């Protein structure tokens, strides 16, 4: 008996049209669910960088 577990994806990137946007579009076109965590500059960056996320 096999148990198949679906992978979960989490994309953490800056809130804007950069390299992360291409990945967001690919997930959307493939209908893949993912957690979209957007970092807003400059407010979120210091805490995110220190936490290593």
C-alpha atoms as a PDB file:
ATOM      1  CA  UNK A   1       0.000   0.000   0.000  1.00  0.00           C
ATOM      2  CA  UNK A   2       1.412   3.367  -1.045  1.00  0.00           C
ATOM      3  CA  UNK A   3       0.518   6.708   0.420  1.00  0.00           C
ATOM      4  CA  UNK A   4       1.012   9.600  -1.956  1.00  0.00           C
ATOM      5  CA  UNK A   5       1.458  12.990  -0.384  1.00  0.00           C
ATOM      6  CA  UNK A   6       1.287  16.083  -2.543  1.00  0.00           C
ATOM      7  CA  UNK A   7       4.114  18.548  -2.206  1.00  0.00           C
ATOM      8  CA  UNK A   8       3.309  21.983  -0.923  1.00  0.00           C
ATOM      9  CA  UNK A   9       5.086  24.977  -2.350  1.00  0.00           C
ATOM     10  CA  UNK A  10       5.931  28.275  -0.705  1.00  0.00           C
ATOM     11  CA  UNK A  11       7.229  31.222  -2.719  1.00  0.00           C
ATOM     12  CA  UNK A  12       8.856  33.991  -0.687  1.00  0.00           C
ATOM     13  CA  UNK A  13       9.950  36.924  -2.809  1.00  0.00           C
ATOM     14  CA  UNK A  14       9.688  40.676  -3.092  1.00  0.00           C
ATOM     15  CA  UNK A  15       6.305  42.217  -3.880  1.00  0.00           C
ATOM     16  CA  UNK A  16       6.856  43.341  -7.438  1.00  0.00           C
ATOM     17  CA  UNK A  17       7.533  42.246 -10.960  1.00  0.00           C
ATOM     18  CA  UNK A  18      10.892  40.594 -10.627  1.00  0.00           C
ATOM     19  CA  UNK A  19      12.105  37.034 -10.941  1.00  0.00           C
ATOM     20  CA  UNK A  20       9.427  35.863  -8.535  1.00  0.00           C
ATOM     21  CA  UNK A  21       6.653  36.992 -10.875  1.00  0.00           C
ATOM     22  CA  UNK A  22       7.652  34.416 -13.502  1.00  0.00           C
ATOM     23  CA  UNK A  23       7.338  31.648 -10.919  1.00  0.00           C
ATOM     24  CA  UNK A  24       3.946  32.983  -9.784  1.00  0.00           C
ATOM     25  CA  UNK A  25       2.712  32.934 -13.390  1.00  0.00           C
ATOM     26  CA  UNK A  26       3.943  29.378 -13.966  1.00  0.00           C
ATOM     27  CA  UNK A  27       2.151  28.165 -10.836  1.00  0.00           C
ATOM     28  CA  UNK A  28      -1.022  29.974 -11.917  1.00  0.00           C
ATOM     29  CA  UNK A  29      -0.959  28.587 -15.471  1.00  0.00           C
ATOM     30  CA  UNK A  30      -0.357  25.059 -14.171  1.00  0.00           C
ATOM     31  CA  UNK A  31      -3.151  25.468 -11.576  1.00  0.00           C
ATOM     32  CA  UNK A  32      -0.708  24.572  -8.795  1.00  0.00           C
ATOM     33  CA  UNK A  33      -1.596  25.835  -5.343  1.00  0.00           C
ATOM     34  CA  UNK A  34       1.193  27.580  -3.479  1.00  0.00           C
ATOM     35  CA  UNK A  35       1.690  29.901  -0.551  1.00  0.00           C
ATOM     36  CA  UNK A  36       2.568  33.342  -1.909  1.00  0.00           C
ATOM     37  CA  UNK A  37       4.561  35.308   0.669  1.00  0.00           C
ATOM     38  CA  UNK A  38       5.432  38.782  -0.569  1.00  0.00           C
ATOM     39  CA  UNK A  39       8.075  40.917   1.095  1.00  0.00           C
ATOM     40  CA  UNK A  40       7.281  44.621   1.096  1.00  0.00           C
ATOM     41  CA  UNK A  41      10.304  46.893   1.039  1.00  0.00           C
ATOM     42  CA  UNK A  42      11.526  48.435   3.253  1.00  0.00           C
ATOM     43  CA  UNK A  43       9.078  47.430   6.006  1.00  0.00           C
ATOM     44  CA  UNK A  44       9.305  43.614   5.955  1.00  0.00           C
ATOM     45  CA  UNK A  45      12.893  43.128   4.807  1.00  0.00           C
ATOM     46  CA  UNK A  46      14.941  43.597   8.033  1.00  0.00           C
ATOM     47  CA  UNK A  47      12.935  41.002   9.993  1.00  0.00           C
ATOM     48  CA  UNK A  48      12.786  38.580   7.079  1.00  0.00           C
ATOM     49  CA  UNK A  49      16.520  38.798   6.420  1.00  0.00           C
ATOM     50  CA  UNK A  50      17.416  38.277  10.087  1.00  0.00           C
ATOM     51  CA  UNK A  51      15.102  35.273  10.345  1.00  0.00           C
ATOM     52  CA  UNK A  52      16.713  33.732   7.255  1.00  0.00           C
ATOM     53  CA  UNK A  53      13.401  33.233   5.483  1.00  0.00           C
END
